[in-house]
């Protein structure tokens, strides 16, 4: 080492330090910088994924609210349908009763008109 540095120990130490700095720089360029680039890429991808997830969660919330509204509407429609079916059944019963009364009246009228 001293022969490279011209026999001076201070110069030899400086040369050794410089070689270490060059070695460190090479490692940084070849190993660490690509890792930093990868971290930046992954960070950007993560931010995009988080944004997409937030959008999807907002859509999910909207759809769940809509589903609740539809469920309530369906329940109300089912209740209305049941009421309408009951009223229809009552009306049909009344019509059958009135039809039978009309038939009896008609028969009675025909019988009294013969006399």
Protein backbone atom coordinates (compact mmCIF):
# COMPACT_ATOMS: atom_id res chain seq x y z
CA UNK A 1 0.00 0.00 0.00
CA UNK A 2 2.80 2.39 0.91
CA UNK A 3 4.43 1.72 -2.45
CA UNK A 4 1.32 2.97 -4.21
CA UNK A 5 1.14 5.98 -1.95
CA UNK A 6 4.79 6.83 -2.49
CA UNK A 7 5.88 5.60 0.95
CA UNK A 8 3.74 8.05 2.89
CA UNK A 9 1.44 6.47 5.52
CA UNK A 10 -1.01 9.41 5.52
CA UNK A 11 -1.34 9.10 1.78
CA UNK A 12 -1.78 5.33 2.20
CA UNK A 13 -4.62 5.88 4.69
CA UNK A 14 -6.20 8.41 2.36
CA UNK A 15 -5.89 5.95 -0.53
CA UNK A 16 -7.48 3.20 1.58
CA UNK A 17 -10.32 5.53 2.59
CA UNK A 18 -10.80 6.58 -1.03
CA UNK A 19 -10.94 2.95 -2.16
CA UNK A 20 -13.55 2.27 0.53
CA UNK A 21 -15.57 5.29 -0.63
CA UNK A 22 -15.42 4.08 -4.25
CA UNK A 23 -16.49 0.59 -3.12
CA UNK A 24 -19.36 2.10 -1.11
CA UNK A 25 -20.42 4.18 -4.13
CA UNK A 26 -20.40 1.12 -6.39
CA UNK A 27 -22.56 -0.80 -3.91
CA UNK A 28 -24.92 2.15 -3.64
CA UNK A 29 -25.21 2.41 -7.42
CA UNK A 30 -25.51 -1.30 -8.11
CA UNK A 31 -27.57 -2.50 -5.12
CA UNK A 32 -29.17 0.29 -3.09
CA UNK A 33 -30.32 2.69 -5.84
CA UNK A 34 -32.40 -0.01 -7.60
CA UNK A 35 -33.95 -0.81 -4.23
CA UNK A 36 -34.80 2.86 -3.68
CA UNK A 37 -36.35 2.96 -7.15
CA UNK A 38 -38.35 -0.16 -6.35
CA UNK A 39 -39.53 1.41 -3.07
CA UNK A 40 -40.69 4.52 -4.96
CA UNK A 41 -42.54 2.37 -7.52
CA UNK A 42 -44.16 0.31 -4.78
CA UNK A 43 -45.15 3.45 -2.88
CA UNK A 44 -46.81 4.87 -5.99
CA UNK A 45 -48.58 1.56 -6.63
CA UNK A 46 -49.72 1.47 -3.00
CA UNK A 47 -51.13 5.00 -3.25
CA UNK A 48 -53.05 4.03 -6.40
CA UNK A 49 -54.36 0.88 -4.72
CA UNK A 50 -55.47 2.90 -1.67
CA UNK A 51 -57.27 5.41 -3.92
CA UNK A 52 -58.97 2.59 -5.81
CA UNK A 53 -59.94 0.92 -2.53
CA UNK A 54 -61.43 4.20 -1.24
CA UNK A 55 -63.45 4.57 -4.45
CA UNK A 56 -64.67 0.98 -4.20
CA UNK A 57 -65.57 1.41 -0.53
CA UNK A 58 -67.58 4.53 -1.39
CA UNK A 59 -69.39 2.57 -4.13
CA UNK A 60 -70.01 -0.27 -1.68
CA UNK A 61 -71.49 2.13 0.86
CA UNK A 62 -73.74 3.65 -1.81
CA UNK A 63 -74.88 0.21 -2.94
CA UNK A 64 -75.56 -0.92 0.62
CA UNK A 65 -77.68 2.18 1.25
CA UNK A 66 -79.55 1.52 -2.00
CA UNK A 67 -80.05 -2.11 -0.99
CA UNK A 68 -81.52 -1.01 2.35
CA UNK A 69 -83.88 1.36 0.53
CA UNK A 70 -84.94 -1.40 -1.85
CA UNK A 71 -85.46 -3.78 1.05
CA UNK A 72 -87.71 -1.29 2.82
CA UNK A 73 -89.59 -0.64 -0.42
CA UNK A 74 -90.04 -4.36 -0.95
CA UNK A 75 -91.38 -4.81 2.58
CA UNK A 76 -93.84 -1.96 2.07
CA UNK A 77 -94.91 -3.38 -1.31
CA UNK A 78 -95.40 -6.82 0.26
CA UNK A 79 -97.57 -5.32 2.99
CA UNK A 80 -99.58 -3.38 0.37
CA UNK A 81 -99.96 -6.52 -1.74
CA UNK A 82 -101.20 -8.51 1.25
CA UNK A 83 -103.69 -5.75 2.06
CA UNK A 84 -104.88 -5.65 -1.55
CA UNK A 85 -105.28 -9.44 -1.64
CA UNK A 86 -107.31 -9.33 1.57
CA UNK A 87 -109.51 -6.51 0.25
CA UNK A 88 -109.96 -8.35 -3.06
CA UNK A 89 -110.98 -11.50 -1.21
CA UNK A 90 -113.48 -9.54 0.91
CA UNK A 91 -114.87 -7.82 -2.18
CA UNK A 92 -115.21 -11.15 -4.00
CA UNK A 93 -117.07 -12.60 -1.01
CA UNK A 94 -119.40 -9.61 -0.95
CA UNK A 95 -120.00 -9.88 -4.70
CA UNK A 96 -120.81 -13.58 -4.39
CA UNK A 97 -123.24 -12.82 -1.57
CA UNK A 98 -124.85 -10.02 -3.56
CA UNK A 99 -125.04 -12.25 -6.62
CA UNK A 100 -126.82 -14.93 -4.62
CA UNK A 101 -129.22 -12.28 -3.23
CA UNK A 102 -129.88 -11.03 -6.74
CA UNK A 103 -130.60 -14.57 -7.86
CA UNK A 104 -132.99 -15.17 -4.95
CA UNK A 105 -134.68 -11.81 -5.63
CA UNK A 106 -135.00 -12.60 -9.29
CA UNK A 107 -136.50 -16.01 -8.52
CA UNK A 108 -138.87 -14.48 -5.97
CA UNK A 109 -139.88 -11.74 -8.45
CA UNK A 110 -140.56 -14.33 -11.14
CA UNK A 111 -142.62 -16.41 -8.69
CA UNK A 112 -144.66 -13.40 -7.55
CA UNK A 113 -145.24 -12.20 -11.08
CA UNK A 114 -146.75 -15.59 -12.03
CA UNK A 115 -149.28 -15.34 -9.30
